[in-house]
Protein backbone atom coordinates (compact mmCIF):
# COMPACT_ATOMS: atom_id res chain seq x y z
CA UNK A 1 0.42 0.04 -0.26
CA UNK A 2 1.41 3.11 -0.68
CA UNK A 3 1.06 6.31 1.08
CA UNK A 4 -1.37 8.02 -1.35
CA UNK A 5 -3.42 4.79 -0.25
CA UNK A 6 -2.96 5.46 3.04
CA UNK A 7 -3.59 9.37 3.25
CA UNK A 8 -6.97 8.43 1.26
CA UNK A 9 -7.82 5.65 3.72
CA UNK A 10 -7.23 8.43 7.05
CA UNK A 11 -9.31 10.87 5.14
CA UNK A 12 -6.53 13.16 5.29
CA UNK A 13 -5.67 15.46 2.62
CA UNK A 14 -2.12 16.36 2.98
CA UNK A 15 -1.87 18.83 0.28
CA UNK A 16 -4.58 20.93 1.53
CA UNK A 17 -4.54 24.50 0.85
CA UNK A 18 -4.83 26.77 4.38
CA UNK A 19 -8.11 28.52 4.39
CA UNK A 20 -7.62 32.59 4.08
CA UNK A 21 -8.86 34.04 7.68
CA UNK A 22 -10.12 37.09 8.23
CA UNK A 23 -9.57 40.82 10.11
CA UNK A 24 -12.31 41.23 13.05
CA UNK A 25 -13.11 43.69 15.33
CA UNK A 26 -12.86 43.92 18.67
CA UNK A 27 -17.14 43.76 18.25
CA UNK A 28 -17.01 39.91 17.15
CA UNK A 29 -16.73 38.29 20.43
CA UNK A 30 -19.84 39.89 21.44
CA UNK A 31 -21.76 39.24 18.49
CA UNK A 32 -20.61 35.39 18.94
CA UNK A 33 -21.97 35.07 22.68
CA UNK A 34 -25.01 36.84 20.96
CA UNK A 35 -25.48 34.06 18.82
CA UNK A 36 -24.68 31.37 20.70
CA UNK A 37 -27.32 32.40 23.17
CA UNK A 38 -30.26 32.61 20.19
CA UNK A 39 -28.61 28.77 18.78
CA UNK A 40 -29.27 27.66 22.60
CA UNK A 41 -32.35 28.79 22.74
CA UNK A 42 -33.71 27.58 19.58
CA UNK A 43 -31.89 23.76 20.53
CA UNK A 44 -32.44 23.70 23.99
CA UNK A 45 -34.04 20.24 24.07
CA UNK A 46 -30.46 19.19 23.06
CA UNK A 47 -27.91 22.04 24.17
CA UNK A 48 -28.18 22.24 27.83
CA UNK A 49 -27.87 18.24 28.29
CA UNK A 50 -23.80 19.20 27.00
CA UNK A 51 -24.05 21.81 29.98
CA UNK A 52 -25.70 19.28 32.42
CA UNK A 53 -23.06 16.66 31.26
CA UNK A 54 -20.24 19.36 32.37
CA UNK A 55 -21.95 20.37 36.16
CA UNK A 56 -22.67 16.10 36.14
CA UNK A 57 -18.62 15.86 35.41
CA UNK A 58 -17.25 18.77 36.91
CA UNK A 59 -18.79 17.27 40.84
CA UNK A 60 -17.74 13.63 39.96
CA UNK A 61 -13.79 15.13 39.86
CA UNK A 62 -14.30 17.17 42.60
CA UNK A 63 -16.29 14.22 45.11
CA UNK A 64 -13.19 11.65 43.54
CA UNK A 65 -10.61 13.73 44.86
CA UNK A 66 -11.98 14.41 48.02
CA UNK A 67 -12.93 11.09 48.67
CA UNK A 68 -9.53 10.12 47.79
CA UNK A 69 -7.98 12.57 50.13
CA UNK A 70 -6.18 14.70 46.68
CA UNK A 71 -8.01 18.25 47.05
CA UNK A 72 -5.25 19.89 46.54
CA UNK A 73 -5.44 19.05 42.52
CA UNK A 74 -9.18 20.38 42.79
CA UNK A 75 -7.44 23.97 40.81
CA UNK A 76 -5.32 21.96 38.83
CA UNK A 77 -7.49 19.21 37.26
CA UNK A 78 -10.18 21.60 36.92
CA UNK A 79 -8.68 23.54 35.41
CA UNK A 80 -7.22 21.32 32.86
CA UNK A 81 -10.52 19.56 32.32
CA UNK A 82 -11.70 23.14 30.06
CA UNK A 83 -7.91 22.64 28.55
CA UNK A 84 -9.93 19.18 26.43
CA UNK A 85 -13.31 21.54 26.30
CA UNK A 86 -12.77 22.34 22.62
CA UNK A 87 -13.30 18.50 21.59
CA UNK A 88 -16.33 18.33 24.43
CA UNK A 89 -17.92 20.64 22.42
CA UNK A 90 -18.00 18.69 19.18
CA UNK A 91 -21.82 18.38 18.97
CA UNK A 92 -23.32 21.92 19.60
CA UNK A 93 -20.56 22.95 16.83
CA UNK A 94 -22.99 20.23 14.75
CA UNK A 95 -25.86 21.52 16.30
CA UNK A 96 -25.23 25.47 15.37
CA UNK A 97 -23.95 24.14 11.78
CA UNK A 98 -27.44 22.63 11.53
CA UNK A 99 -29.26 25.79 12.63
CA UNK A 100 -27.33 27.70 10.46
CA UNK A 101 -28.28 25.07 7.26
CA UNK A 102 -31.79 24.86 8.61
CA UNK A 103 -30.80 21.31 8.84
CA UNK A 104 -32.66 18.52 10.95
CA UNK A 105 -30.58 18.67 14.61
CA UNK A 106 -30.78 14.77 15.89
CA UNK A 107 -29.64 13.69 19.69
CA UNK A 108 -26.59 12.16 17.23
CA UNK A 109 -24.83 15.48 16.62
CA UNK A 110 -21.86 14.58 18.34
CA UNK A 111 -21.28 11.15 15.91
CA UNK A 112 -22.69 13.10 13.04
CA UNK A 113 -19.74 15.98 13.64
CA UNK A 114 -17.33 13.18 14.45
CA UNK A 115 -18.08 11.31 11.63
CA UNK A 116 -17.58 14.02 9.28
CA UNK A 117 -13.57 13.98 10.02
CA UNK A 118 -13.18 11.04 12.31
CA UNK A 119 -9.31 10.71 11.63
CA UNK A 120 -8.33 14.23 12.64
CA UNK A 121 -11.16 15.25 14.85
CA UNK A 122 -9.49 12.12 16.77
CA UNK A 123 -5.86 13.21 16.39
CA UNK A 124 -6.36 16.71 17.86
CA UNK A 125 -8.46 15.38 21.05
CA UNK A 126 -5.61 13.42 21.47
CA UNK A 127 -3.46 16.15 21.48
CA UNK A 128 -5.60 18.05 23.82
CA UNK A 129 -5.61 15.47 26.28
CA UNK A 130 -1.91 15.06 26.08
CA UNK A 131 -1.63 19.16 26.85
CA UNK A 132 -4.30 18.28 29.66
CA UNK A 133 -1.86 16.10 30.81
CA UNK A 134 1.05 17.86 30.89
CA UNK A 135 -0.61 20.54 32.46
CA UNK A 136 -1.33 18.42 35.70
CA UNK A 137 1.94 17.19 35.65
CA UNK A 138 3.62 20.89 35.73
CA UNK A 139 0.89 21.68 38.35
CA UNK A 140 1.85 19.10 40.73
CA UNK A 141 5.46 20.27 40.40
CA UNK A 142 4.77 23.71 41.25
CA UNK A 143 2.42 22.12 44.22
CA UNK A 144 5.55 20.61 45.45
CA UNK A 145 8.67 22.84 45.20
CA UNK A 146 6.56 26.01 46.11
CA UNK A 147 3.47 25.25 48.50
CA UNK A 148 5.25 25.27 51.65
CA UNK A 149 1.53 23.82 54.25
CA UNK A 150 2.12 20.09 54.29
CA UNK A 151 -0.81 20.01 57.15
CA UNK A 152 -3.11 21.26 54.58
CA UNK A 153 -6.92 20.28 54.91
CA UNK A 154 -10.23 20.31 52.85
CA UNK A 155 -11.84 22.65 55.58
CA UNK A 156 -9.16 25.23 55.03
CA UNK A 157 -7.70 24.82 51.63
CA UNK A 158 -9.21 27.52 49.90
CA UNK A 159 -8.63 29.68 52.71
CA UNK A 160 -5.25 28.56 53.22
CA UNK A 161 -4.07 28.60 49.38
CA UNK A 162 -5.79 31.80 47.91
CA UNK A 163 -6.14 34.20 50.94
CA UNK A 164 -3.81 33.57 53.59
CA UNK A 165 -0.95 35.99 52.12
CA UNK A 166 1.53 32.77 52.30
CA UNK A 167 1.54 30.98 49.18
CA UNK A 168 2.14 34.45 46.59
CA UNK A 169 4.79 32.74 45.08
CA UNK A 170 3.30 29.74 44.38
CA UNK A 171 0.12 31.33 42.92
CA UNK A 172 2.68 33.00 40.95
CA UNK A 173 4.57 30.41 39.16
CA UNK A 174 0.89 29.07 38.91
CA UNK A 175 -0.48 32.05 36.47
CA UNK A 176 2.46 31.82 34.92
CA UNK A 177 2.71 28.56 33.61
CA UNK A 178 -0.38 28.12 33.45
CA UNK A 179 -1.14 30.74 31.47
CA UNK A 180 1.19 29.76 29.01
CA UNK A 181 0.01 26.18 28.30
CA UNK A 182 -3.58 27.96 28.69
CA UNK A 183 -2.72 30.37 25.68
CA UNK A 184 -0.43 27.73 23.57
CA UNK A 185 -3.62 25.49 24.07
CA UNK A 186 -6.09 28.41 22.87
CA UNK A 187 -4.28 29.01 19.63
CA UNK A 188 -4.03 26.15 18.53
CA UNK A 189 -7.67 24.96 18.95
CA UNK A 190 -9.52 28.15 18.93
CA UNK A 191 -11.33 27.39 15.50
CA UNK A 192 -9.77 23.78 14.77
CA UNK A 193 -12.34 21.34 15.86
CA UNK A 194 -15.31 23.47 14.16
CA UNK A 195 -12.82 23.39 10.99
CA UNK A 196 -11.85 20.01 11.09
CA UNK A 197 -15.81 19.61 11.49
CA UNK A 198 -16.98 21.54 8.47
CA UNK A 199 -13.86 20.57 5.80
CA UNK A 200 -11.87 17.72 4.71
CA UNK A 201 -8.83 19.25 5.87
CA UNK A 202 -6.07 17.31 8.31
CA UNK A 203 -5.18 18.59 11.70
CA UNK A 204 -2.09 20.18 10.55
CA UNK A 205 -3.38 22.86 8.89
CA UNK A 206 -6.44 23.00 10.84
CA UNK A 207 -3.84 23.60 13.89
CA UNK A 208 -1.76 26.53 11.81
CA UNK A 209 -5.29 27.90 10.28
CA UNK A 210 -6.16 28.61 14.26
CA UNK A 211 -2.65 30.18 14.68
CA UNK A 212 -2.88 31.98 11.63
CA UNK A 213 -6.36 33.34 13.40
CA UNK A 214 -5.04 34.39 16.52
CA UNK A 215 -2.21 36.27 15.05
CA UNK A 216 -4.20 38.74 12.61
CA UNK A 217 -6.94 38.82 15.62
CA UNK A 218 -4.65 38.63 18.20
CA UNK A 219 -6.74 41.47 20.38
CA UNK A 220 -10.55 40.46 19.83
CA UNK A 221 -9.77 36.99 20.34
CA UNK A 222 -7.91 37.85 23.78
CA UNK A 223 -11.02 39.63 24.18
CA UNK A 224 -12.64 35.77 23.71
CA UNK A 225 -10.78 34.24 25.41
CA UNK A 226 -11.15 36.45 28.42
CA UNK A 227 -14.96 36.15 28.13
CA UNK A 228 -15.21 32.78 28.08
CA UNK A 229 -12.54 32.25 31.08
CA UNK A 230 -15.12 34.63 32.74
CA UNK A 231 -18.52 32.92 31.89
CA UNK A 232 -16.08 29.47 33.15
CA UNK A 233 -15.21 31.68 36.45
CA UNK A 234 -19.08 33.19 37.53
CA UNK A 235 -20.42 29.52 36.94
CA UNK A 236 -17.60 28.12 39.42
CA UNK A 237 -19.33 31.13 42.04
CA UNK A 238 -22.73 29.24 41.37
CA UNK A 239 -21.25 25.72 42.64
CA UNK A 240 -21.19 24.87 38.91
CA UNK A 241 -24.36 25.14 38.10
CA UNK A 242 -23.94 27.97 36.03
CA UNK A 243 -21.98 25.97 33.39
CA UNK A 244 -25.34 24.17 32.43
CA UNK A 245 -25.89 27.36 30.56
CA UNK A 246 -22.70 28.74 29.76
CA UNK A 247 -20.98 25.93 28.37
CA UNK A 248 -23.48 25.43 25.56
CA UNK A 249 -23.49 29.30 24.46
CA UNK A 250 -19.78 29.01 24.50
CA UNK A 251 -19.86 26.24 22.97
CA UNK A 252 -22.54 27.40 20.18
CA UNK A 253 -20.66 30.94 19.71
CA UNK A 254 -17.31 28.81 19.01
CA UNK A 255 -19.04 28.06 15.29
CA UNK A 256 -19.69 31.36 15.14
CA UNK A 257 -16.48 32.56 15.45
CA UNK A 258 -15.00 29.80 13.45
CA UNK A 259 -17.40 31.01 10.68
CA UNK A 260 -16.43 34.70 10.92
CA UNK A 261 -12.85 34.01 11.29
CA UNK A 262 -12.55 31.92 8.14
CA UNK A 263 -12.73 32.54 4.90
CA UNK A 264 -15.61 29.93 2.63
CA UNK A 265 -14.09 27.44 1.01
CA UNK A 266 -15.86 29.15 -2.63
CA UNK A 267 -13.93 32.45 -1.81
CA UNK A 268 -9.88 32.94 -2.79
CA UNK A 269 -8.19 32.48 0.56
CA UNK A 270 -5.92 35.11 1.64
CA UNK A 271 -2.83 34.46 3.61
CA UNK A 272 -1.65 36.88 6.38
CA UNK A 273 1.64 37.23 6.67
């Protein structure tokens, strides 16, 4: 079997031209959220179950860590979990695409979306999982090196870590390393999965397109990252119940972000230098 046959069997277009990127304004991320909200309202019977999954999984993670005496990993695992969120929104992207095309929306939307480009979507999912594992390993090392309270208990965990004033260096190093990993992950995945779902291109081309979008629209996409973090943060303050609404809205909005940032296939690509 030659290389061309292998590529065709894996559904990878190794010669795909990188899609063109549009320049956008700072108003766009707010529009994406509005359109994401509208999509959720149009299909609440499918969108809200996705949000419920995020809520349930978050509670299961918290319960497992506390029960296992590993509560110190709670912020680390919570952050790592949301690094993998782009792949978890696959079904929401499919719902938004179906709404956009006035097509029937089905409960098997995740399967249908994945089957549109299974090898490459799976590949980016594995990459995000590896990044999450790397983040957790890095965070544990930072915790061991810079946190000096060996008698930490769950009852005073948040007070000691965040409000005691004894762990400034730990928080600083955690923010630095976490920020670098989060920004890298955001840059390679902000539109990658909707792009792979929508077009028959390989995951490397999709990641390069995502990086090009961030490079060409740094300020608007930094605002988009901030809005995502803000919505997730507010959801945390509601004891994670807010994820029921926040995650579907963000997922739907991500589809509209992709549509706003990437030139349609029938237009001549204009790659930003």
